[in-house]
Amino acid sequence: EKEKAAAENGNLNVSDNDIIEINVGGKIIAAKRGVLCQWKGTRLEALFSGRWDKMLERDSGGRTFLDLNGDCFQVIVDYMNELAISPEDDPPEYPTVNEELEYQFQHQLQLFGLPGNIDSEIIK
């Protein structure tokens, strides 16, 4: 099923080491595909898995465009990168944002199907 979606709407030739540039509300964020896709079963993983590459909105530079707050998304990507490089027995502290960004941050976590706290089963 996933391979069929990739063949129709995306790219079958993807690697966890692919560098993906994303324009998030005007802020350009680069991350490895494997970092963005590490939480299996989330919308974030599905979005950047390669299965939907042909369907994603693009900016004038060909980057995936997300009409969201770039600062909040950067916090999510930074945390996921730290999580990817940290030992399992010493995970990074769960991210926080300034109070004025908290609503947008929580909205993005929900939008992408990500955990709202460190105790989530997705992280463990």
N, C-alpha and C. Protein backbone atom coordinates (compact mmCIF):
# COMPACT_ATOMS: atom_id res chain seq x y z
N GLU A 1 0.83 -1.20 0.00
CA GLU A 1 0.00 0.00 0.00
C GLU A 1 0.88 1.26 0.00
N LYS A 2 1.86 1.32 0.89
CA LYS A 2 2.75 2.48 0.95
C LYS A 2 3.57 2.61 -0.33
N GLU A 3 4.01 1.47 -0.86
CA GLU A 3 4.80 1.50 -2.09
C GLU A 3 3.95 1.97 -3.27
N LYS A 4 2.69 1.58 -3.26
CA LYS A 4 1.77 2.01 -4.33
C LYS A 4 1.57 3.52 -4.26
N ALA A 5 1.38 4.06 -3.06
CA ALA A 5 1.22 5.52 -2.89
C ALA A 5 2.47 6.25 -3.36
N ALA A 6 3.63 5.71 -3.04
CA ALA A 6 4.88 6.33 -3.46
C ALA A 6 5.02 6.33 -4.96
N ALA A 7 4.64 5.24 -5.60
CA ALA A 7 4.76 5.14 -7.05
C ALA A 7 3.84 6.14 -7.75
N GLU A 8 2.66 6.36 -7.20
CA GLU A 8 1.68 7.27 -7.82
C GLU A 8 1.92 8.73 -7.46
N ASN A 9 2.27 9.00 -6.21
CA ASN A 9 2.28 10.38 -5.71
C ASN A 9 3.65 10.87 -5.25
N GLY A 10 4.63 10.00 -5.24
CA GLY A 10 5.89 10.39 -4.66
C GLY A 10 7.09 9.83 -5.36
N ASN A 11 8.05 9.43 -4.55
CA ASN A 11 9.34 9.02 -5.04
C ASN A 11 9.74 7.72 -4.33
N LEU A 12 10.04 6.70 -5.11
CA LEU A 12 10.47 5.42 -4.53
C LEU A 12 11.95 5.43 -4.15
N ASN A 13 12.72 6.32 -4.74
CA ASN A 13 14.17 6.36 -4.52
C ASN A 13 14.54 7.38 -3.45
N VAL A 14 14.20 7.07 -2.21
CA VAL A 14 14.51 7.97 -1.11
C VAL A 14 15.44 7.29 -0.13
N SER A 15 16.14 8.11 0.63
CA SER A 15 17.08 7.59 1.62
C SER A 15 16.95 8.42 2.90
N ASP A 16 17.20 7.79 4.04
CA ASP A 16 17.21 8.52 5.31
C ASP A 16 18.26 9.63 5.32
N ASN A 17 19.27 9.51 4.46
CA ASN A 17 20.32 10.53 4.40
C ASN A 17 20.01 11.68 3.45
N ASP A 18 18.88 11.64 2.75
CA ASP A 18 18.48 12.77 1.90
C ASP A 18 18.35 14.02 2.76
N ILE A 19 18.89 15.13 2.25
CA ILE A 19 18.71 16.42 2.92
C ILE A 19 17.48 17.07 2.31
N ILE A 20 16.52 17.42 3.16
CA ILE A 20 15.29 18.04 2.70
C ILE A 20 15.30 19.49 3.17
N GLU A 21 15.08 20.40 2.24
CA GLU A 21 14.91 21.82 2.58
C GLU A 21 13.43 22.13 2.57
N ILE A 22 12.97 22.75 3.66
CA ILE A 22 11.56 23.07 3.83
C ILE A 22 11.44 24.57 4.09
N ASN A 23 10.54 25.20 3.38
CA ASN A 23 10.23 26.61 3.62
C ASN A 23 9.02 26.62 4.54
N VAL A 24 9.24 27.01 5.79
CA VAL A 24 8.17 27.01 6.78
C VAL A 24 7.87 28.46 7.14
N GLY A 25 6.82 28.98 6.55
CA GLY A 25 6.44 30.37 6.80
C GLY A 25 7.53 31.36 6.44
N GLY A 26 8.35 31.05 5.46
CA GLY A 26 9.44 31.94 5.04
C GLY A 26 10.79 31.58 5.64
N LYS A 27 10.81 30.70 6.62
CA LYS A 27 12.07 30.26 7.24
C LYS A 27 12.50 28.95 6.58
N ILE A 28 13.73 28.93 6.07
CA ILE A 28 14.24 27.72 5.40
C ILE A 28 14.89 26.82 6.45
N ILE A 29 14.40 25.60 6.52
CA ILE A 29 14.89 24.61 7.49
C ILE A 29 15.36 23.39 6.71
N ALA A 30 16.57 22.93 6.99
CA ALA A 30 17.11 21.74 6.34
C ALA A 30 17.27 20.64 7.38
N ALA A 31 16.90 19.43 6.99
CA ALA A 31 17.03 18.29 7.88
C ALA A 31 17.15 17.01 7.05
N LYS A 32 17.73 16.00 7.64
CA LYS A 32 17.78 14.70 6.98
C LYS A 32 16.40 14.06 7.02
N ARG A 33 16.08 13.37 5.95
CA ARG A 33 14.79 12.68 5.86
C ARG A 33 14.59 11.73 7.05
N GLY A 34 15.65 11.02 7.42
CA GLY A 34 15.55 10.07 8.53
C GLY A 34 15.19 10.72 9.85
N VAL A 35 15.65 11.95 10.06
CA VAL A 35 15.31 12.69 11.28
C VAL A 35 13.82 13.02 11.28
N LEU A 36 13.32 13.52 10.15
CA LEU A 36 11.92 13.91 10.05
C LEU A 36 10.97 12.71 10.09
N CYS A 37 11.47 11.54 9.74
CA CYS A 37 10.62 10.35 9.64
C CYS A 37 10.82 9.35 10.77
N GLN A 38 11.51 9.73 11.82
CA GLN A 38 11.83 8.75 12.87
C GLN A 38 10.64 8.34 13.72
N TRP A 39 9.61 9.19 13.81
CA TRP A 39 8.43 8.81 14.59
C TRP A 39 7.44 8.15 13.64
N LYS A 40 7.57 6.85 13.48
CA LYS A 40 6.76 6.07 12.54
C LYS A 40 5.28 6.18 12.88
N GLY A 41 4.47 6.26 11.83
CA GLY A 41 3.03 6.33 12.00
C GLY A 41 2.48 7.72 12.23
N THR A 42 3.36 8.74 12.25
CA THR A 42 2.89 10.12 12.43
C THR A 42 2.67 10.78 11.08
N ARG A 43 1.93 11.87 11.08
CA ARG A 43 1.73 12.62 9.84
C ARG A 43 3.04 13.21 9.35
N LEU A 44 3.91 13.57 10.26
CA LEU A 44 5.21 14.12 9.87
C LEU A 44 6.01 13.07 9.09
N GLU A 45 6.00 11.85 9.58
CA GLU A 45 6.70 10.76 8.89
C GLU A 45 6.10 10.54 7.51
N ALA A 46 4.78 10.53 7.42
CA ALA A 46 4.12 10.32 6.13
C ALA A 46 4.44 11.46 5.16
N LEU A 47 4.43 12.68 5.65
CA LEU A 47 4.67 13.85 4.81
C LEU A 47 6.04 13.83 4.16
N PHE A 48 7.06 13.43 4.91
CA PHE A 48 8.43 13.48 4.41
C PHE A 48 9.02 12.11 4.04
N SER A 49 8.17 11.09 4.02
CA SER A 49 8.63 9.74 3.70
C SER A 49 9.03 9.57 2.24
N GLY A 50 8.60 10.51 1.40
CA GLY A 50 8.81 10.40 -0.04
C GLY A 50 7.57 9.94 -0.77
N ARG A 51 6.62 9.34 -0.02
CA ARG A 51 5.41 8.80 -0.65
C ARG A 51 4.52 9.88 -1.27
N TRP A 52 4.65 11.12 -0.79
CA TRP A 52 3.76 12.19 -1.25
C TRP A 52 4.52 13.34 -1.91
N ASP A 53 5.78 13.14 -2.26
CA ASP A 53 6.62 14.23 -2.79
C ASP A 53 5.98 14.99 -3.95
N LYS A 54 5.30 14.30 -4.84
CA LYS A 54 4.70 14.97 -6.00
C LYS A 54 3.47 15.80 -5.63
N MET A 55 2.92 15.56 -4.45
CA MET A 55 1.69 16.23 -4.03
C MET A 55 1.95 17.44 -3.12
N LEU A 56 3.18 17.60 -2.65
CA LEU A 56 3.48 18.66 -1.69
C LEU A 56 3.57 20.02 -2.37
N GLU A 57 3.04 21.03 -1.69
CA GLU A 57 3.15 22.40 -2.19
C GLU A 57 4.62 22.82 -2.17
N ARG A 58 5.05 23.54 -3.20
CA ARG A 58 6.44 23.96 -3.34
C ARG A 58 6.54 25.47 -3.43
N ASP A 59 7.68 26.02 -2.96
CA ASP A 59 7.95 27.45 -3.14
C ASP A 59 8.67 27.64 -4.47
N SER A 60 9.04 28.87 -4.78
CA SER A 60 9.67 29.17 -6.07
C SER A 60 11.03 28.50 -6.22
N GLY A 61 11.65 28.08 -5.11
CA GLY A 61 12.93 27.39 -5.16
C GLY A 61 12.81 25.88 -5.19
N GLY A 62 11.58 25.36 -5.26
CA GLY A 62 11.35 23.92 -5.31
C GLY A 62 11.32 23.25 -3.95
N ARG A 63 11.43 24.02 -2.88
CA ARG A 63 11.39 23.45 -1.53
C ARG A 63 9.93 23.19 -1.12
N THR A 64 9.72 22.17 -0.30
CA THR A 64 8.41 21.94 0.28
C THR A 64 8.02 23.20 1.06
N PHE A 65 6.78 23.64 0.88
CA PHE A 65 6.31 24.83 1.58
C PHE A 65 5.25 24.45 2.59
N LEU A 66 5.45 24.86 3.84
CA LEU A 66 4.45 24.69 4.89
C LEU A 66 4.08 26.07 5.41
N ASP A 67 2.82 26.39 5.40
CA ASP A 67 2.35 27.71 5.86
C ASP A 67 2.11 27.66 7.37
N LEU A 68 3.21 27.58 8.09
CA LEU A 68 3.19 27.47 9.55
C LEU A 68 4.24 28.39 10.15
N ASN A 69 4.25 28.49 11.46
CA ASN A 69 5.26 29.28 12.15
C ASN A 69 6.60 28.54 12.09
N GLY A 70 7.57 29.16 11.43
CA GLY A 70 8.88 28.54 11.25
C GLY A 70 9.66 28.34 12.53
N ASP A 71 9.50 29.25 13.49
CA ASP A 71 10.22 29.12 14.75
C ASP A 71 9.76 27.88 15.52
N CYS A 72 8.46 27.63 15.52
CA CYS A 72 7.94 26.44 16.21
C CYS A 72 8.39 25.17 15.51
N PHE A 73 8.34 25.17 14.18
CA PHE A 73 8.76 23.98 13.44
C PHE A 73 10.25 23.72 13.65
N GLN A 74 11.05 24.79 13.74
CA GLN A 74 12.49 24.63 13.99
C GLN A 74 12.73 23.95 15.33
N VAL A 75 11.93 24.30 16.34
CA VAL A 75 12.05 23.68 17.66
C VAL A 75 11.78 22.17 17.54
N ILE A 76 10.77 21.81 16.78
CA ILE A 76 10.43 20.39 16.59
C ILE A 76 11.57 19.66 15.89
N VAL A 77 12.08 20.25 14.82
CA VAL A 77 13.17 19.61 14.05
C VAL A 77 14.44 19.50 14.91
N ASP A 78 14.76 20.56 15.65
CA ASP A 78 15.95 20.52 16.52
C ASP A 78 15.83 19.39 17.55
N TYR A 79 14.64 19.26 18.15
CA TYR A 79 14.44 18.20 19.13
C TYR A 79 14.58 16.82 18.48
N MET A 80 13.99 16.65 17.31
CA MET A 80 14.06 15.36 16.64
C MET A 80 15.50 15.03 16.25
N ASN A 81 16.27 16.04 15.86
CA ASN A 81 17.68 15.81 15.55
C ASN A 81 18.44 15.38 16.81
N GLU A 82 18.22 16.07 17.90
CA GLU A 82 18.87 15.70 19.17
C GLU A 82 18.47 14.29 19.59
N LEU A 83 17.20 13.97 19.41
CA LEU A 83 16.72 12.63 19.76
C LEU A 83 17.41 11.56 18.91
N ALA A 84 17.61 11.87 17.64
CA ALA A 84 18.23 10.90 16.73
C ALA A 84 19.69 10.61 17.09
N ILE A 85 20.38 11.59 17.65
CA ILE A 85 21.81 11.41 17.94
C ILE A 85 22.11 11.12 19.41
N SER A 86 21.06 11.09 20.25
CA SER A 86 21.26 10.85 21.69
C SER A 86 21.12 9.38 22.02
N PRO A 87 21.86 8.92 23.03
CA PRO A 87 21.68 7.53 23.46
C PRO A 87 20.27 7.33 24.03
N GLU A 88 19.72 6.13 23.85
CA GLU A 88 18.36 5.85 24.32
C GLU A 88 18.20 6.09 25.82
N ASP A 89 19.26 5.83 26.58
CA ASP A 89 19.15 5.99 28.04
C ASP A 89 19.41 7.43 28.49
N ASP A 90 19.66 8.34 27.56
CA ASP A 90 19.88 9.75 27.90
C ASP A 90 19.25 10.65 26.83
N PRO A 91 17.91 10.60 26.72
CA PRO A 91 17.25 11.41 25.69
C PRO A 91 17.32 12.90 26.02
N PRO A 92 17.20 13.75 25.02
CA PRO A 92 17.21 15.19 25.27
C PRO A 92 15.95 15.62 26.02
N GLU A 93 16.03 16.77 26.64
CA GLU A 93 14.88 17.34 27.33
C GLU A 93 13.82 17.71 26.30
N TYR A 94 12.55 17.44 26.63
CA TYR A 94 11.47 17.75 25.69
C TYR A 94 11.43 19.26 25.44
N PRO A 95 11.19 19.67 24.20
CA PRO A 95 11.28 21.09 23.86
C PRO A 95 10.16 21.93 24.46
N THR A 96 10.49 23.17 24.68
CA THR A 96 9.52 24.16 25.13
C THR A 96 9.70 25.41 24.27
N VAL A 97 8.70 26.24 24.26
CA VAL A 97 8.76 27.50 23.53
C VAL A 97 8.29 28.62 24.45
N ASN A 98 8.54 29.85 24.03
CA ASN A 98 8.05 31.00 24.79
C ASN A 98 6.53 30.95 24.85
N GLU A 99 5.98 31.55 25.89
CA GLU A 99 4.54 31.51 26.12
C GLU A 99 3.73 32.00 24.92
N GLU A 100 4.23 33.04 24.22
CA GLU A 100 3.47 33.59 23.09
C GLU A 100 3.43 32.62 21.89
N LEU A 101 4.32 31.64 21.85
CA LEU A 101 4.34 30.66 20.77
C LEU A 101 3.72 29.32 21.17
N GLU A 102 3.35 29.17 22.42
CA GLU A 102 2.89 27.88 22.94
C GLU A 102 1.69 27.33 22.18
N TYR A 103 0.70 28.17 21.88
CA TYR A 103 -0.49 27.70 21.17
C TYR A 103 -0.10 27.17 19.79
N GLN A 104 0.71 27.91 19.05
CA GLN A 104 1.12 27.48 17.71
C GLN A 104 1.97 26.21 17.78
N PHE A 105 2.84 26.13 18.78
CA PHE A 105 3.67 24.95 18.96
C PHE A 105 2.82 23.71 19.21
N GLN A 106 1.87 23.82 20.13
CA GLN A 106 0.99 22.68 20.43
C GLN A 106 0.14 22.31 19.21
N HIS A 107 -0.29 23.32 18.46
CA HIS A 107 -1.06 23.07 17.24
C HIS A 107 -0.22 22.27 16.24
N GLN A 108 1.04 22.63 16.07
CA GLN A 108 1.91 21.90 15.14
C GLN A 108 2.14 20.47 15.61
N LEU A 109 2.34 20.28 16.90
CA LEU A 109 2.50 18.92 17.42
C LEU A 109 1.27 18.08 17.07
N GLN A 110 0.08 18.66 17.28
CA GLN A 110 -1.17 17.96 16.96
C GLN A 110 -1.31 17.72 15.46
N LEU A 111 -1.03 18.74 14.68
CA LEU A 111 -1.15 18.66 13.23
C LEU A 111 -0.32 17.52 12.65
N PHE A 112 0.89 17.36 13.16
CA PHE A 112 1.79 16.33 12.65
C PHE A 112 1.67 15.00 13.37
N GLY A 113 0.76 14.92 14.36
CA GLY A 113 0.56 13.66 15.08
C GLY A 113 1.69 13.34 16.02
N LEU A 114 2.35 14.40 16.53
CA LEU A 114 3.49 14.22 17.41
C LEU A 114 3.05 14.28 18.87
N PRO A 115 3.84 13.70 19.75
CA PRO A 115 3.48 13.71 21.17
C PRO A 115 3.54 15.10 21.77
N GLY A 116 2.62 15.37 22.68
CA GLY A 116 2.59 16.66 23.37
C GLY A 116 3.46 16.69 24.61
N ASN A 117 4.05 15.54 24.95
CA ASN A 117 4.92 15.50 26.13
C ASN A 117 5.89 14.34 26.02
N ILE A 118 6.85 14.33 26.91
CA ILE A 118 7.95 13.36 26.89
C ILE A 118 7.48 11.95 27.23
N ASP A 119 6.32 11.81 27.87
CA ASP A 119 5.85 10.50 28.31
C ASP A 119 5.12 9.71 27.23
N SER A 120 5.05 10.26 26.05
CA SER A 120 4.34 9.60 24.96
C SER A 120 5.00 8.28 24.57
N GLU A 121 4.19 7.33 24.15
CA GLU A 121 4.69 6.04 23.68
C GLU A 121 5.47 6.18 22.38
N ILE A 122 5.20 7.24 21.60
CA ILE A 122 5.91 7.45 20.33
C ILE A 122 7.40 7.63 20.59
N ILE A 123 7.73 8.34 21.65
CA ILE A 123 9.13 8.66 21.94
C ILE A 123 9.86 7.46 22.52
N LYS A 124 9.16 6.64 23.29
CA LYS A 124 9.81 5.53 24.00
C LYS A 124 10.22 4.42 23.06
